[in-house]
């Protein structure tokens, strides 16, 4: 159709103009139109190649796509995440430096060490990206098929079972102590210097039990080299659908997981933080991220509101604080 458009009443034009103006404001509220103007850095406290590093690189790629700038991963392993956390805590609060945060850096280190190289208050958690539930695994020679049978076997043979960890104060150690507290088991702690030697000791029957991260034990469970008894998550896990939770196994309320997330220096302006938050939320909502990592036992989380995130961190802190204090665990 040709010809002039029909005119609208002046009053209606003013209403439409106001509505459009409000829509634009609402769509950009809290966002920084000038950020980012250069590449960002995601500091990962772990060595290249592991599952944590892979998750960090996948999130960096997705966030970079959203932000229109690349997010470069910088690996700074060591000192139980303290090197990386210190780097980010002391970085300029301009939004260009982020930390791949974890339960170790944001919750456990302040509870375990009398002195650490950074203040948690100097970091602000932006998101919990993925939870990594644990699984109770035993050497196949142990004559049990369920967690209840393991508890009964332990009580019938007090002090005869040993359990492995990857080091004192690690979530794997703390989760096992939490299980002992709930069940009354007497298994003796044998710390190893890393996951590989701990699993080797378990398969050699030098130790009989371990609370391990699902992603590490999964190939050994599927190969029949370890037997899975229960998972520490609130619900059963997609990679181990036939393995019950600890809660289902007779210990309601038991839940233990480590997690990876994102943090940035405290003091980053709200508009820049909101821009980063939106990019992180979009990354966590990615189907490809979920499909890739859920199958590995890293359960990608749904975005949380700031209040829900604070509640999650508070619950995590209280859960581990109880176990650390009851067992007098310190790393100094």
Protein backbone atom coordinates (compact mmCIF):
# COMPACT_ATOMS: atom_id res chain seq x y z
CA UNK A 1 0.00 0.00 0.00
CA UNK A 2 1.35 3.44 -0.92
CA UNK A 3 0.54 6.89 0.42
CA UNK A 4 1.03 8.60 3.76
CA UNK A 5 0.58 6.62 6.99
CA UNK A 6 -2.51 7.49 8.94
CA UNK A 7 -1.81 10.07 11.62
CA UNK A 8 -2.14 9.23 15.31
CA UNK A 9 -3.56 11.50 17.99
CA UNK A 10 -0.92 13.59 19.70
CA UNK A 11 -1.82 12.15 23.12
CA UNK A 12 -1.30 8.58 21.92
CA UNK A 13 2.03 9.53 20.35
CA UNK A 14 3.20 10.89 23.69
CA UNK A 15 2.17 7.66 25.44
CA UNK A 16 3.97 5.52 22.85
CA UNK A 17 7.08 7.63 23.11
CA UNK A 18 7.08 7.34 26.89
CA UNK A 19 6.51 3.56 26.70
CA UNK A 20 9.37 3.08 24.25
CA UNK A 21 11.62 5.23 26.38
CA UNK A 22 10.84 3.18 29.47
CA UNK A 23 11.46 -0.05 27.54
CA UNK A 24 14.91 1.13 26.51
CA UNK A 25 15.74 2.15 30.09
CA UNK A 26 14.45 -1.16 31.47
CA UNK A 27 16.44 -3.15 28.93
CA UNK A 28 19.70 -1.43 29.81
CA UNK A 29 19.20 -0.80 33.52
CA UNK A 30 22.34 -1.77 35.43
CA UNK A 31 24.30 -2.51 32.24
CA UNK A 32 27.45 -0.66 31.27
CA UNK A 33 27.39 0.34 27.59
CA UNK A 34 31.16 1.00 27.71
CA UNK A 35 32.15 -2.37 29.20
CA UNK A 36 34.07 -4.34 28.12
CA UNK A 37 36.41 -2.53 25.76
CA UNK A 38 39.25 -5.05 25.87
CA UNK A 39 39.80 -8.75 26.62
CA UNK A 40 39.12 -10.07 30.11
CA UNK A 41 41.16 -12.56 32.14
CA UNK A 42 39.79 -15.58 34.01
CA UNK A 43 42.34 -16.81 36.55
CA UNK A 44 41.99 -20.57 37.08
CA UNK A 45 43.66 -22.00 40.22
CA UNK A 46 44.31 -25.38 38.62
CA UNK A 47 46.73 -26.82 36.09
CA UNK A 48 45.70 -27.02 32.42
CA UNK A 49 43.90 -30.11 31.22
CA UNK A 50 41.86 -31.14 34.24
CA UNK A 51 38.09 -31.00 34.53
CA UNK A 52 38.19 -27.68 36.40
CA UNK A 53 40.34 -26.14 33.68
CA UNK A 54 38.07 -27.52 30.97
CA UNK A 55 35.02 -26.06 32.69
CA UNK A 56 36.74 -22.69 33.07
CA UNK A 57 37.67 -22.58 29.39
CA UNK A 58 34.14 -23.51 28.30
CA UNK A 59 32.62 -20.80 30.49
CA UNK A 60 35.21 -18.27 29.30
CA UNK A 61 34.31 -19.01 25.67
CA UNK A 62 30.57 -18.62 26.29
CA UNK A 63 30.99 -15.43 28.32
CA UNK A 64 33.28 -13.99 25.68
CA UNK A 65 30.63 -14.65 23.05
CA UNK A 66 28.09 -12.73 25.14
CA UNK A 67 30.39 -9.86 26.00
CA UNK A 68 31.86 -9.35 22.54
CA UNK A 69 35.39 -9.62 23.93
CA UNK A 70 37.57 -12.65 24.48
CA UNK A 71 37.99 -14.03 28.01
CA UNK A 72 41.55 -15.33 28.32
CA UNK A 73 42.23 -18.18 30.76
CA UNK A 74 45.33 -17.80 32.92
CA UNK A 75 46.28 -20.86 34.99
CA UNK A 76 47.77 -20.12 38.42
CA UNK A 77 47.74 -23.37 40.39
CA UNK A 78 49.19 -23.82 43.86
CA UNK A 79 48.75 -23.28 47.61
CA UNK A 80 45.25 -24.76 47.63
CA UNK A 81 43.95 -22.01 45.26
CA UNK A 82 45.55 -19.20 47.29
CA UNK A 83 47.88 -18.00 44.52
CA UNK A 84 45.04 -17.43 42.09
CA UNK A 85 42.70 -16.01 44.72
CA UNK A 86 45.34 -13.55 45.90
CA UNK A 87 45.96 -12.41 42.33
CA UNK A 88 42.30 -11.58 41.76
CA UNK A 89 41.68 -10.14 45.22
CA UNK A 90 44.46 -7.59 44.56
CA UNK A 91 43.44 -6.83 40.97
CA UNK A 92 41.85 -3.54 39.99
CA UNK A 93 38.08 -3.67 40.65
CA UNK A 94 37.27 -2.85 37.03
CA UNK A 95 35.67 -6.16 35.99
CA UNK A 96 38.49 -7.24 33.70
CA UNK A 97 39.91 -9.87 36.08
CA UNK A 98 37.81 -12.79 37.32
CA UNK A 99 38.56 -15.84 39.44
CA UNK A 100 37.38 -19.35 38.87
CA UNK A 101 36.21 -19.58 42.44
CA UNK A 102 35.57 -22.78 44.37
CA UNK A 103 34.50 -24.09 47.72
CA UNK A 104 38.23 -24.23 48.56
CA UNK A 105 38.92 -20.55 47.87
CA UNK A 106 35.65 -19.05 49.13
CA UNK A 107 34.68 -21.34 52.02
CA UNK A 108 37.27 -23.86 53.17
CA UNK A 109 40.55 -21.94 53.21
CA UNK A 110 39.37 -19.38 55.80
CA UNK A 111 38.09 -22.25 57.99
CA UNK A 112 41.20 -24.43 57.70
CA UNK A 113 44.08 -21.93 57.79
CA UNK A 114 44.89 -19.53 60.58
CA UNK A 115 46.48 -17.28 57.99
CA UNK A 116 45.88 -17.12 54.24
CA UNK A 117 47.32 -14.82 51.58
CA UNK A 118 44.04 -13.06 50.77
CA UNK A 119 40.86 -11.92 52.46
CA UNK A 120 37.64 -13.54 51.31
CA UNK A 121 36.01 -10.15 51.88
CA UNK A 122 38.16 -8.82 49.02
CA UNK A 123 36.36 -11.16 46.62
CA UNK A 124 32.70 -11.18 45.60
CA UNK A 125 31.16 -14.43 44.37
CA UNK A 126 29.36 -13.90 41.09
CA UNK A 127 28.00 -17.39 40.45
CA UNK A 128 28.17 -21.06 41.40
CA UNK A 129 28.59 -22.57 37.93
CA UNK A 130 28.82 -26.29 38.68
CA UNK A 131 28.54 -28.62 41.63
CA UNK A 132 30.75 -31.68 41.80
CA UNK A 133 29.03 -34.29 43.96
CA UNK A 134 30.99 -37.10 45.53
CA UNK A 135 30.48 -40.83 45.40
CA UNK A 136 31.29 -43.41 48.07
CA UNK A 137 33.36 -46.10 46.34
CA UNK A 138 34.90 -49.27 47.71
CA UNK A 139 37.36 -51.85 46.53
CA UNK A 140 35.33 -54.69 44.96
CA UNK A 141 36.80 -57.14 47.48
CA UNK A 142 34.91 -55.45 50.31
CA UNK A 143 31.87 -57.71 50.84
CA UNK A 144 29.21 -55.00 50.65
CA UNK A 145 26.82 -53.74 47.98
CA UNK A 146 25.13 -50.86 49.81
CA UNK A 147 26.08 -48.10 52.21
CA UNK A 148 24.06 -49.76 54.98
CA UNK A 149 26.06 -52.95 54.50
CA UNK A 150 29.31 -50.95 54.60
CA UNK A 151 28.32 -49.34 57.90
CA UNK A 152 27.41 -52.74 59.36
CA UNK A 153 30.68 -54.26 58.07
CA UNK A 154 32.69 -51.43 59.62
CA UNK A 155 30.96 -51.79 62.98
CA UNK A 156 31.56 -55.54 62.94
CA UNK A 157 35.25 -54.92 62.22
CA UNK A 158 36.05 -51.69 64.13
CA UNK A 159 39.16 -49.88 62.96
CA UNK A 160 39.90 -52.46 60.25
CA UNK A 161 38.76 -50.36 57.26
CA UNK A 162 40.88 -47.53 55.89
CA UNK A 163 39.62 -44.67 53.76
CA UNK A 164 41.62 -42.60 51.29
CA UNK A 165 41.65 -38.88 50.67
CA UNK A 166 43.70 -36.58 48.46
CA UNK A 167 44.98 -34.67 51.48
CA UNK A 168 43.96 -33.41 54.88
CA UNK A 169 41.27 -30.72 54.76
CA UNK A 170 40.27 -31.47 51.18
CA UNK A 171 36.49 -31.80 50.58
CA UNK A 172 37.04 -35.52 49.91
CA UNK A 173 38.50 -35.87 53.41
CA UNK A 174 35.82 -33.69 55.01
CA UNK A 175 32.97 -35.51 53.27
CA UNK A 176 34.25 -38.83 54.60
CA UNK A 177 34.46 -37.39 58.11
CA UNK A 178 30.91 -36.11 57.71
CA UNK A 179 29.85 -39.63 56.72
CA UNK A 180 31.64 -41.11 59.73
CA UNK A 181 29.93 -38.63 62.01
CA UNK A 182 26.49 -39.51 60.63
CA UNK A 183 26.99 -43.28 60.56
CA UNK A 184 29.24 -43.93 63.53
CA UNK A 185 31.84 -45.63 61.32
CA UNK A 186 35.41 -46.09 62.57
CA UNK A 187 37.33 -46.22 59.26
CA UNK A 188 40.85 -44.77 59.56
CA UNK A 189 41.97 -41.84 57.40
CA UNK A 190 44.91 -42.41 55.03
CA UNK A 191 45.81 -39.20 53.15
CA UNK A 192 47.48 -39.43 49.75
CA UNK A 193 49.25 -36.75 47.76
CA UNK A 194 46.70 -36.45 44.97
CA UNK A 195 43.87 -38.31 43.30
CA UNK A 196 45.91 -40.76 41.21
CA UNK A 197 47.86 -42.30 44.11
CA UNK A 198 44.71 -42.41 46.27
CA UNK A 199 42.79 -44.34 43.62
CA UNK A 200 45.77 -46.61 43.03
CA UNK A 201 45.82 -47.39 46.75
CA UNK A 202 42.08 -48.07 46.68
CA UNK A 203 42.33 -50.44 43.70
CA UNK A 204 45.26 -52.22 45.36
CA UNK A 205 43.13 -52.63 48.52
CA UNK A 206 45.65 -50.72 50.64
CA UNK A 207 42.58 -48.68 51.53
CA UNK A 208 39.05 -49.93 51.17
CA UNK A 209 36.88 -46.82 50.90
CA UNK A 210 36.96 -43.34 49.40
CA UNK A 211 34.60 -40.41 48.94
CA UNK A 212 35.71 -39.31 45.50
CA UNK A 213 34.53 -36.77 42.96
CA UNK A 214 32.24 -38.49 40.50
CA UNK A 215 34.13 -37.29 37.42
CA UNK A 216 37.33 -39.04 38.60
CA UNK A 217 35.85 -42.34 39.75
CA UNK A 218 33.28 -42.73 36.99
CA UNK A 219 35.53 -44.53 34.45
CA UNK A 220 36.73 -46.93 37.17
CA UNK A 221 33.17 -47.62 38.31
CA UNK A 222 32.08 -48.36 34.74
CA UNK A 223 35.10 -50.65 34.26
CA UNK A 224 34.21 -52.63 37.41
CA UNK A 225 37.41 -51.62 39.19
CA UNK A 226 35.49 -49.78 41.93
CA UNK A 227 32.01 -50.34 43.37
CA UNK A 228 29.78 -47.29 43.89
CA UNK A 229 27.59 -47.39 47.01
CA UNK A 230 26.02 -43.93 47.26
CA UNK A 231 26.30 -40.39 45.94
CA UNK A 232 26.50 -37.33 48.14
CA UNK A 233 24.10 -35.14 46.14
CA UNK A 234 20.52 -34.31 47.06
CA UNK A 235 19.28 -36.29 44.04
CA UNK A 236 20.57 -39.20 41.98
CA UNK A 237 23.02 -38.29 39.26
CA UNK A 238 22.54 -38.74 35.48
CA UNK A 239 25.84 -40.64 35.03
CA UNK A 240 24.99 -43.03 37.92
CA UNK A 241 21.21 -43.35 37.84
CA UNK A 242 21.13 -46.67 39.73
CA UNK A 243 23.28 -45.47 42.62
CA UNK A 244 21.19 -44.10 45.52
CA UNK A 245 21.99 -40.96 47.46
CA UNK A 246 23.40 -41.13 50.98
CA UNK A 247 20.10 -39.66 52.16
CA UNK A 248 18.17 -42.45 50.41
CA UNK A 249 20.50 -44.96 52.04
CA UNK A 250 19.25 -44.09 55.51
CA UNK A 251 20.95 -40.79 56.38
CA UNK A 252 18.53 -38.00 55.49
CA UNK A 253 19.97 -34.53 55.15
CA UNK A 254 23.46 -35.72 54.25
CA UNK A 255 24.76 -33.66 51.37
CA UNK A 256 28.31 -32.85 50.34
CA UNK A 257 29.75 -31.41 47.18
CA UNK A 258 32.56 -29.24 46.03
CA UNK A 259 31.80 -26.52 43.50
CA UNK A 260 33.32 -24.22 40.94
CA UNK A 261 32.07 -20.72 40.24
CA UNK A 262 33.08 -17.18 39.41
CA UNK A 263 34.27 -14.36 41.63
CA UNK A 264 35.65 -10.88 41.06
CA UNK A 265 37.36 -8.25 43.17
CA UNK A 266 35.06 -6.64 45.70
CA UNK A 267 34.23 -3.09 44.69
CA UNK A 268 33.52 -3.70 41.02
CA UNK A 269 30.85 -1.12 40.06
CA UNK A 270 27.30 -2.45 40.05
CA UNK A 271 26.70 -1.81 36.36
CA UNK A 272 29.81 -3.76 35.34
CA UNK A 273 28.98 -6.55 37.77
CA UNK A 274 25.48 -6.75 36.29
CA UNK A 275 26.94 -7.06 32.79
CA UNK A 276 29.20 -9.90 33.94
CA UNK A 277 26.33 -11.51 35.84
CA UNK A 278 24.17 -11.56 32.72
CA UNK A 279 27.00 -13.15 30.70
CA UNK A 280 27.58 -15.78 33.39
CA UNK A 281 23.86 -16.57 33.57
CA UNK A 282 23.71 -17.04 29.80
CA UNK A 283 26.71 -19.37 29.92
CA UNK A 284 25.12 -21.47 32.68
CA UNK A 285 21.91 -21.72 30.65
CA UNK A 286 23.76 -23.17 27.65
CA UNK A 287 22.53 -26.61 26.64
CA UNK A 288 25.96 -27.50 25.28
CA UNK A 289 27.62 -26.69 28.63
CA UNK A 290 25.11 -28.85 30.49
CA UNK A 291 25.38 -31.78 28.10
CA UNK A 292 29.16 -31.75 28.14
CA UNK A 293 29.75 -31.46 31.86
CA UNK A 294 26.69 -33.11 33.44
CA UNK A 295 27.72 -36.37 31.77
CA UNK A 296 31.14 -36.01 33.43
CA UNK A 297 29.64 -35.55 36.89
CA UNK A 298 30.03 -31.75 36.99
CA UNK A 299 26.43 -30.67 37.45
CA UNK A 300 25.92 -27.26 35.83
CA UNK A 301 23.74 -25.07 38.02
CA UNK A 302 20.84 -22.81 37.16
CA UNK A 303 21.48 -19.09 37.69
CA UNK A 304 20.84 -17.92 41.25
CA UNK A 305 19.64 -14.56 42.49
CA UNK A 306 22.06 -12.68 44.78
CA UNK A 307 19.95 -13.66 47.81
CA UNK A 308 19.88 -17.33 46.78
CA UNK A 309 23.64 -17.25 46.17
CA UNK A 310 24.27 -15.80 49.64
CA UNK A 311 22.08 -18.52 51.15
CA UNK A 312 23.93 -21.25 49.24
CA UNK A 313 27.33 -19.97 50.41
CA UNK A 314 26.10 -19.61 53.99
CA UNK A 315 24.80 -23.19 54.08
CA UNK A 316 28.02 -24.50 52.56
CA UNK A 317 30.09 -22.62 55.13
CA UNK A 318 28.08 -23.93 58.10
CA UNK A 319 28.15 -27.51 56.77
CA UNK A 320 31.94 -27.65 56.53
CA UNK A 321 32.56 -25.53 59.63
CA UNK A 322 30.77 -28.12 61.77
CA UNK A 323 32.93 -30.98 60.47
CA UNK A 324 36.19 -29.01 60.69
CA UNK A 325 35.53 -27.89 64.28
CA UNK A 326 34.32 -31.30 65.51
CA UNK A 327 37.46 -32.97 64.16
CA UNK A 328 39.90 -30.16 64.99
CA UNK A 329 41.18 -30.06 61.41
CA UNK A 330 43.70 -27.34 60.58
CA UNK A 331 46.27 -26.91 57.81
CA UNK A 332 48.69 -24.53 59.54
